[in-house]
PDB file of N, CA and C in Angstrom:
ATOM      1  N   MET A   1      11.535  -6.955   2.553  1.00  0.00           N
ATOM      2  CA  MET A   1      10.488  -6.224   3.194  1.00  0.00           C
ATOM      3  C   MET A   1      11.021  -5.664   4.506  1.00  0.00           C
ATOM      4  N   LYS A   2      10.755  -4.410   4.735  1.00  0.00           N
ATOM      5  CA  LYS A   2      11.242  -3.750   5.940  1.00  0.00           C
ATOM      6  C   LYS A   2      10.165  -3.738   7.015  1.00  0.00           C
ATOM      7  N   LEU A   3      10.422  -4.482   8.070  1.00  0.00           N
ATOM      8  CA  LEU A   3       9.537  -4.477   9.229  1.00  0.00           C
ATOM      9  C   LEU A   3      10.252  -3.790  10.378  1.00  0.00           C
ATOM     10  N   PRO A   4       9.494  -3.147  11.278  1.00  0.00           N
ATOM     11  CA  PRO A   4      10.156  -2.442  12.377  1.00  0.00           C
ATOM     12  C   PRO A   4      10.916  -3.403  13.292  1.00  0.00           C
ATOM     13  N   ASN A   5      12.096  -2.986  13.670  1.00  0.00           N
ATOM     14  CA  ASN A   5      12.922  -3.750  14.609  1.00  0.00           C
ATOM     15  C   ASN A   5      13.892  -2.781  15.275  1.00  0.00           C
ATOM     16  N   LYS A   6      14.967  -3.282  15.849  1.00  0.00           N
ATOM     17  CA  LYS A   6      15.928  -2.412  16.534  1.00  0.00           C
ATOM     18  C   LYS A   6      16.645  -1.471  15.568  1.00  0.00           C
ATOM     19  N   ILE A   7      16.803  -1.887  14.325  1.00  0.00           N
ATOM     20  CA  ILE A   7      17.538  -1.091  13.340  1.00  0.00           C
ATOM     21  C   ILE A   7      16.603  -0.244  12.475  1.00  0.00           C
ATOM     22  N   ILE A   8      15.466  -0.809  12.080  1.00  0.00           N
ATOM     23  CA  ILE A   8      14.514  -0.119  11.205  1.00  0.00           C
ATOM     24  C   ILE A   8      13.385   0.455  12.056  1.00  0.00           C
ATOM     25  N   SER A   9      13.222   1.770  11.978  1.00  0.00           N
ATOM     26  CA  SER A   9      12.173   2.420  12.764  1.00  0.00           C
ATOM     27  C   SER A   9      10.803   2.172  12.126  1.00  0.00           C
ATOM     28  N   TYR A  10       9.774   2.449  12.890  1.00  0.00           N
ATOM     29  CA  TYR A  10       8.413   2.291  12.375  1.00  0.00           C
ATOM     30  C   TYR A  10       8.209   3.145  11.125  1.00  0.00           C
ATOM     31  N   LYS A  11       8.701   4.380  11.128  1.00  0.00           N
ATOM     32  CA  LYS A  11       8.540   5.276   9.975  1.00  0.00           C
ATOM     33  C   LYS A  11       9.197   4.741   8.712  1.00  0.00           C
ATOM     34  N   GLU A  12      10.265   3.990   8.845  1.00  0.00           N
ATOM     35  CA  GLU A  12      10.961   3.422   7.694  1.00  0.00           C
ATOM     36  C   GLU A  12      10.354   2.103   7.246  1.00  0.00           C
ATOM     37  N   SER A  13       9.474   1.533   8.036  1.00  0.00           N
ATOM     38  CA  SER A  13       8.926   0.207   7.740  1.00  0.00           C
ATOM     39  C   SER A  13       7.764   0.282   6.757  1.00  0.00           C
ATOM     40  N   VAL A  14       7.435  -0.871   6.164  1.00  0.00           N
ATOM     41  CA  VAL A  14       6.311  -0.926   5.227  1.00  0.00           C
ATOM     42  C   VAL A  14       4.978  -0.709   5.948  1.00  0.00           C
ATOM     43  N   ILE A  15       4.923  -1.034   7.215  1.00  0.00           N
ATOM     44  CA  ILE A  15       3.679  -0.885   7.966  1.00  0.00           C
ATOM     45  C   ILE A  15       3.232   0.576   8.017  1.00  0.00           C
ATOM     46  N   SER A  16       4.163   1.488   8.144  1.00  0.00           N
ATOM     47  CA  SER A  16       3.811   2.908   8.215  1.00  0.00           C
ATOM     48  C   SER A  16       3.362   3.463   6.866  1.00  0.00           C
ATOM     49  N   LYS A  17       3.669   2.760   5.789  1.00  0.00           N
ATOM     50  CA  LYS A  17       3.327   3.223   4.443  1.00  0.00           C
ATOM     51  C   LYS A  17       1.954   2.727   3.983  1.00  0.00           C
ATOM     52  N   MET A  18       1.386   1.788   4.701  1.00  0.00           N
ATOM     53  CA  MET A  18       0.100   1.211   4.295  1.00  0.00           C
ATOM     54  C   MET A  18      -1.068   2.194   4.393  1.00  0.00           C
ATOM     55  N   PRO A  19      -1.256   2.906   5.501  1.00  0.00           N
ATOM     56  CA  PRO A  19      -2.409   3.804   5.607  1.00  0.00           C
ATOM     57  C   PRO A  19      -2.492   4.877   4.510  1.00  0.00           C
ATOM     58  N   PRO A  20      -1.388   5.533   4.106  1.00  0.00           N
ATOM     59  CA  PRO A  20      -1.523   6.517   3.026  1.00  0.00           C
ATOM     60  C   PRO A  20      -1.991   5.904   1.704  1.00  0.00           C
ATOM     61  N   ILE A  21      -1.555   4.682   1.415  1.00  0.00           N
ATOM     62  CA  ILE A  21      -2.001   4.015   0.195  1.00  0.00           C
ATOM     63  C   ILE A  21      -3.488   3.708   0.283  1.00  0.00           C
ATOM     64  N   LEU A  22      -3.920   3.170   1.422  1.00  0.00           N
ATOM     65  CA  LEU A  22      -5.332   2.840   1.585  1.00  0.00           C
ATOM     66  C   LEU A  22      -6.203   4.096   1.568  1.00  0.00           C
ATOM     67  N   LYS A  23      -5.707   5.168   2.127  1.00  0.00           N
ATOM     68  CA  LYS A  23      -6.459   6.434   2.106  1.00  0.00           C
ATOM     69  C   LYS A  23      -6.627   6.929   0.676  1.00  0.00           C
ATOM     70  N   PHE A  24      -5.589   6.799  -0.143  1.00  0.00           N
ATOM     71  CA  PHE A  24      -5.659   7.222  -1.540  1.00  0.00           C
ATOM     72  C   PHE A  24      -6.653   6.355  -2.322  1.00  0.00           C
ATOM     73  N   LEU A  25      -6.733   5.080  -1.986  1.00  0.00           N
ATOM     74  CA  LEU A  25      -7.633   4.159  -2.690  1.00  0.00           C
ATOM     75  C   LEU A  25      -9.041   4.138  -2.097  1.00  0.00           C
ATOM     76  N   ASP A  26      -9.269   4.882  -1.044  1.00  0.00           N
ATOM     77  CA  ASP A  26     -10.536   4.832  -0.324  1.00  0.00           C
ATOM     78  C   ASP A  26     -11.736   5.228  -1.185  1.00  0.00           C
ATOM     79  N   LYS A  27     -11.615   6.256  -1.988  1.00  0.00           N
ATOM     80  CA  LYS A  27     -12.746   6.782  -2.761  1.00  0.00           C
ATOM     81  C   LYS A  27     -13.025   5.996  -4.040  1.00  0.00           C
ATOM     82  N   SER A  28     -11.960   5.571  -4.720  1.00  0.00           N
ATOM     83  CA  SER A  28     -12.153   4.859  -5.996  1.00  0.00           C
ATOM     84  C   SER A  28     -10.919   4.041  -6.335  1.00  0.00           C
ATOM     85  N   ASP A  29     -11.084   3.147  -7.282  1.00  0.00           N
ATOM     86  CA  ASP A  29      -9.977   2.326  -7.749  1.00  0.00           C
ATOM     87  C   ASP A  29      -9.000   3.188  -8.543  1.00  0.00           C
ATOM     88  N   LYS A  30      -7.717   2.894  -8.390  1.00  0.00           N
ATOM     89  CA  LYS A  30      -6.682   3.671  -9.082  1.00  0.00           C
ATOM     90  C   LYS A  30      -5.680   2.723  -9.727  1.00  0.00           C
ATOM     91  N   SER A  31      -5.013   3.218 -10.744  1.00  0.00           N
ATOM     92  CA  SER A  31      -3.960   2.421 -11.362  1.00  0.00           C
ATOM     93  C   SER A  31      -2.760   2.366 -10.426  1.00  0.00           C
ATOM     94  N   ILE A  32      -1.926   1.386 -10.641  1.00  0.00           N
ATOM     95  CA  ILE A  32      -0.721   1.248  -9.821  1.00  0.00           C
ATOM     96  C   ILE A  32       0.179   2.457 -10.016  1.00  0.00           C
ATOM     97  N   LEU A  33       0.288   2.922 -11.258  1.00  0.00           N
ATOM     98  CA  LEU A  33       1.140   4.078 -11.543  1.00  0.00           C
ATOM     99  C   LEU A  33       0.615   5.341 -10.858  1.00  0.00           C
ATOM    100  N   ASP A  34      -0.692   5.588 -10.924  1.00  0.00           N
ATOM    101  CA  ASP A  34      -1.263   6.762 -10.252  1.00  0.00           C
ATOM    102  C   ASP A  34      -1.053   6.688  -8.743  1.00  0.00           C
ATOM    103  N   THR A  35      -1.204   5.499  -8.199  1.00  0.00           N
ATOM    104  CA  THR A  35      -0.988   5.314  -6.763  1.00  0.00           C
ATOM    105  C   THR A  35       0.462   5.597  -6.406  1.00  0.00           C
ATOM    106  N   TYR A  36       1.382   5.070  -7.208  1.00  0.00           N
ATOM    107  CA  TYR A  36       2.805   5.314  -6.933  1.00  0.00           C
ATOM    108  C   TYR A  36       3.131   6.800  -7.014  1.00  0.00           C
ATOM    109  N   LYS A  37       2.618   7.482  -8.020  1.00  0.00           N
ATOM    110  CA  LYS A  37       2.880   8.925  -8.155  1.00  0.00           C
ATOM    111  C   LYS A  37       2.388   9.697  -6.935  1.00  0.00           C
ATOM    112  N   GLN A  38       1.276   9.280  -6.373  1.00  0.00           N
ATOM    113  CA  GLN A  38       0.701   9.963  -5.223  1.00  0.00           C
ATOM    114  C   GLN A  38       1.518   9.763  -3.946  1.00  0.00           C
ATOM    115  N   VAL A  39       2.106   8.574  -3.783  1.00  0.00           N
ATOM    116  CA  VAL A  39       2.772   8.253  -2.517  1.00  0.00           C
ATOM    117  C   VAL A  39       4.285   8.061  -2.640  1.00  0.00           C
ATOM    118  N   LYS A  40       4.855   8.336  -3.795  1.00  0.00           N
ATOM    119  CA  LYS A  40       6.280   8.046  -3.998  1.00  0.00           C
ATOM    120  C   LYS A  40       7.190   8.813  -3.045  1.00  0.00           C
ATOM    121  N   HIS A  41       6.737   9.929  -2.510  1.00  0.00           N
ATOM    122  CA  HIS A  41       7.558  10.694  -1.561  1.00  0.00           C
ATOM    123  C   HIS A  41       7.809   9.915  -0.264  1.00  0.00           C
ATOM    124  N   LEU A  42       7.001   8.892  -0.011  1.00  0.00           N
ATOM    125  CA  LEU A  42       7.158   8.080   1.195  1.00  0.00           C
ATOM    126  C   LEU A  42       8.208   6.986   1.053  1.00  0.00           C
ATOM    127  N   PHE A  43       8.610   6.685  -0.184  1.00  0.00           N
ATOM    128  CA  PHE A  43       9.458   5.532  -0.459  1.00  0.00           C
ATOM    129  C   PHE A  43      10.835   5.928  -0.958  1.00  0.00           C
ATOM    130  N   ASN A  44      11.820   5.115  -0.597  1.00  0.00           N
ATOM    131  CA  ASN A  44      13.180   5.323  -1.089  1.00  0.00           C
ATOM    132  C   ASN A  44      13.348   4.812  -2.510  1.00  0.00           C
ATOM    133  N   ASN A  45      12.567   3.778  -2.864  1.00  0.00           N
ATOM    134  CA  ASN A  45      12.659   3.206  -4.207  1.00  0.00           C
ATOM    135  C   ASN A  45      11.369   2.460  -4.526  1.00  0.00           C
ATOM    136  N   VAL A  46      11.256   2.031  -5.768  1.00  0.00           N
ATOM    137  CA  VAL A  46      10.051   1.339  -6.231  1.00  0.00           C
ATOM    138  C   VAL A  46       9.889  -0.006  -5.525  1.00  0.00           C
ATOM    139  N   GLN A  47      10.988  -0.657  -5.218  1.00  0.00           N
ATOM    140  CA  GLN A  47      10.918  -1.961  -4.553  1.00  0.00           C
ATOM    141  C   GLN A  47      10.193  -1.869  -3.209  1.00  0.00           C
ATOM    142  N   ASP A  48      10.429  -0.810  -2.460  1.00  0.00           N
ATOM    143  CA  ASP A  48       9.734  -0.627  -1.177  1.00  0.00           C
ATOM    144  C   ASP A  48       8.227  -0.451  -1.401  1.00  0.00           C
ATOM    145  N   PHE A  49       7.866   0.259  -2.462  1.00  0.00           N
ATOM    146  CA  PHE A  49       6.456   0.432  -2.818  1.00  0.00           C
ATOM    147  C   PHE A  49       5.820  -0.922  -3.144  1.00  0.00           C
ATOM    148  N   ILE A  50       6.500  -1.713  -3.956  1.00  0.00           N
ATOM    149  CA  ILE A  50       5.995  -3.038  -4.332  1.00  0.00           C
ATOM    150  C   ILE A  50       5.883  -3.937  -3.101  1.00  0.00           C
ATOM    151  N   ASP A  51       6.858  -3.875  -2.212  1.00  0.00           N
ATOM    152  CA  ASP A  51       6.801  -4.664  -0.972  1.00  0.00           C
ATOM    153  C   ASP A  51       5.565  -4.295  -0.142  1.00  0.00           C
ATOM    154  N   THR A  52       5.260  -3.012  -0.103  1.00  0.00           N
ATOM    155  CA  THR A  52       4.089  -2.555   0.644  1.00  0.00           C
ATOM    156  C   THR A  52       2.801  -3.057  -0.006  1.00  0.00           C
ATOM    157  N   LEU A  53       2.740  -3.000  -1.341  1.00  0.00           N
ATOM    158  CA  LEU A  53       1.573  -3.543  -2.038  1.00  0.00           C
ATOM    159  C   LEU A  53       1.442  -5.044  -1.793  1.00  0.00           C
ATOM    160  N   ASP A  54       2.566  -5.747  -1.787  1.00  0.00           N
ATOM    161  CA  ASP A  54       2.547  -7.188  -1.497  1.00  0.00           C
ATOM    162  C   ASP A  54       1.951  -7.455  -0.120  1.00  0.00           C
ATOM    163  N   CYS A  55       2.358  -6.678   0.860  1.00  0.00           N
ATOM    164  CA  CYS A  55       1.829  -6.848   2.222  1.00  0.00           C
ATOM    165  C   CYS A  55       0.329  -6.576   2.260  1.00  0.00           C
ATOM    166  N   LEU A  56      -0.107  -5.497   1.615  1.00  0.00           N
ATOM    167  CA  LEU A  56      -1.527  -5.172   1.589  1.00  0.00           C
ATOM    168  C   LEU A  56      -2.332  -6.268   0.895  1.00  0.00           C
ATOM    169  N   PHE A  57      -1.786  -6.827  -0.176  1.00  0.00           N
ATOM    170  CA  PHE A  57      -2.457  -7.915  -0.879  1.00  0.00           C
ATOM    171  C   PHE A  57      -2.522  -9.166  -0.002  1.00  0.00           C
ATOM    172  N   ALA A  58      -1.426  -9.480   0.673  1.00  0.00           N
ATOM    173  CA  ALA A  58      -1.391 -10.658   1.551  1.00  0.00           C
ATOM    174  C   ALA A  58      -2.367 -10.513   2.724  1.00  0.00           C
ATOM    175  N   LEU A  59      -2.564  -9.292   3.185  1.00  0.00           N
ATOM    176  CA  LEU A  59      -3.509  -9.024   4.270  1.00  0.00           C
ATOM    177  C   LEU A  59      -4.947  -8.890   3.768  1.00  0.00           C
ATOM    178  N   ASN A  60      -5.125  -9.050   2.470  1.00  0.00           N
ATOM    179  CA  ASN A  60      -6.428  -8.938   1.808  1.00  0.00           C
ATOM    180  C   ASN A  60      -7.039  -7.547   1.991  1.00  0.00           C
ATOM    181  N   LYS A  61      -6.199  -6.531   1.977  1.00  0.00           N
ATOM    182  CA  LYS A  61      -6.656  -5.149   2.061  1.00  0.00           C
ATOM    183  C   LYS A  61      -6.816  -4.512   0.684  1.00  0.00           C
ATOM    184  N   ILE A  62      -6.118  -5.048  -0.311  1.00  0.00           N
ATOM    185  CA  ILE A  62      -6.267  -4.569  -1.683  1.00  0.00           C
ATOM    186  C   ILE A  62      -6.430  -5.770  -2.607  1.00  0.00           C
ATOM    187  N   SER A  63      -6.994  -5.485  -3.767  1.00  0.00           N
ATOM    188  CA  SER A  63      -7.095  -6.493  -4.818  1.00  0.00           C
ATOM    189  C   SER A  63      -6.882  -5.794  -6.156  1.00  0.00           C
ATOM    190  N   ILE A  64      -6.759  -6.592  -7.194  1.00  0.00           N
ATOM    191  CA  ILE A  64      -6.586  -6.063  -8.547  1.00  0.00           C
ATOM    192  C   ILE A  64      -7.889  -6.286  -9.310  1.00  0.00           C
ATOM    193  N   THR A  65      -8.417  -5.233  -9.914  1.00  0.00           N
ATOM    194  CA  THR A  65      -9.662  -5.342 -10.675  1.00  0.00           C
ATOM    195  C   THR A  65      -9.377  -5.882 -12.072  1.00  0.00           C
ATOM    196  N   GLU A  66     -10.444  -6.128 -12.818  1.00  0.00           N
ATOM    197  CA  GLU A  66     -10.305  -6.587 -14.197  1.00  0.00           C
ATOM    198  C   GLU A  66      -9.624  -5.541 -15.074  1.00  0.00           C
ATOM    199  N   LYS A  67      -9.748  -4.268 -14.694  1.00  0.00           N
ATOM    200  CA  LYS A  67      -9.099  -3.172 -15.432  1.00  0.00           C
ATOM    201  C   LYS A  67      -7.652  -2.976 -14.986  1.00  0.00           C
ATOM    202  N   GLU A  68      -7.147  -3.904 -14.165  1.00  0.00           N
ATOM    203  CA  GLU A  68      -5.788  -3.852 -13.620  1.00  0.00           C
ATOM    204  C   GLU A  68      -5.552  -2.606 -12.773  1.00  0.00           C
ATOM    205  N   GLU A  69      -6.558  -2.277 -11.967  1.00  0.00           N
ATOM    206  CA  GLU A  69      -6.448  -1.177 -11.023  1.00  0.00           C
ATOM    207  C   GLU A  69      -6.460  -1.742  -9.604  1.00  0.00           C
ATOM    208  N   LEU A  70      -5.916  -0.949  -8.689  1.00  0.00           N
ATOM    209  CA  LEU A  70      -5.920  -1.347  -7.280  1.00  0.00           C
ATOM    210  C   LEU A  70      -7.280  -1.021  -6.676  1.00  0.00           C
ATOM    211  N   HIS A  71      -7.801  -1.946  -5.896  1.00  0.00           N
ATOM    212  CA  HIS A  71      -9.092  -1.770  -5.240  1.00  0.00           C
ATOM    213  C   HIS A  71      -8.915  -1.993  -3.744  1.00  0.00           C
ATOM    214  N   TYR A  72      -9.400  -1.042  -2.950  1.00  0.00           N
ATOM    215  CA  TYR A  72      -9.364  -1.159  -1.491  1.00  0.00           C
ATOM    216  C   TYR A  72     -10.510  -2.083  -1.054  1.00  0.00           C
ATOM    217  N   VAL A  73     -10.175  -3.205  -0.449  1.00  0.00           N
ATOM    218  CA  VAL A  73     -11.166  -4.183   0.000  1.00  0.00           C
ATOM    219  C   VAL A  73     -11.628  -3.770   1.397  1.00  0.00           C
ATOM    220  N   LYS A  74     -12.839  -3.234   1.447  1.00  0.00           N
ATOM    221  CA  LYS A  74     -13.390  -2.788   2.741  1.00  0.00           C
ATOM    222  C   LYS A  74     -14.244  -3.899   3.330  1.00  0.00           C
ATOM    223  N   ARG A  75     -14.199  -4.030   4.599  1.00  0.00           N
ATOM    224  CA  ARG A  75     -14.964  -5.048   5.302  1.00  0.00           C
ATOM    225  C   ARG A  75     -16.043  -4.380   6.139  1.00  0.00           C
ATOM    226  N   ASN A  76     -17.238  -4.899   6.056  1.00  0.00           N
ATOM    227  CA  ASN A  76     -18.317  -4.437   6.933  1.00  0.00           C
ATOM    228  C   ASN A  76     -18.319  -5.300   8.182  1.00  0.00           C
ATOM    229  N   ILE A  77     -18.194  -4.662   9.321  1.00  0.00           N
ATOM    230  CA  ILE A  77     -18.191  -5.389  10.593  1.00  0.00           C
ATOM    231  C   ILE A  77     -19.612  -5.366  11.149  1.00  0.00           C
ATOM    232  N   LEU A  78     -20.118  -6.523  11.464  1.00  0.00           N
ATOM    233  CA  LEU A  78     -21.488  -6.620  11.976  1.00  0.00           C
ATOM    234  C   LEU A  78     -21.572  -6.266  13.419  1.00  0.00           C
TER     235      LEU A  78
END
């Protein structure tokens, strides 16, 4: 997983790739393949994409539906 540091810039890190994925999933659930096709220009390889999904899942920002689609977990703040 690429996190920003002295060698890896913010733009190259997985953190910078999270908002475009969440924006794509904002309106409706999408398959992993459709999501990858939409954002693949941001990634050097599939592994970086998977690492970003892992981070989003660990942060509880996405989940997998019964139809095996990605779902953006939105939180209502009181």
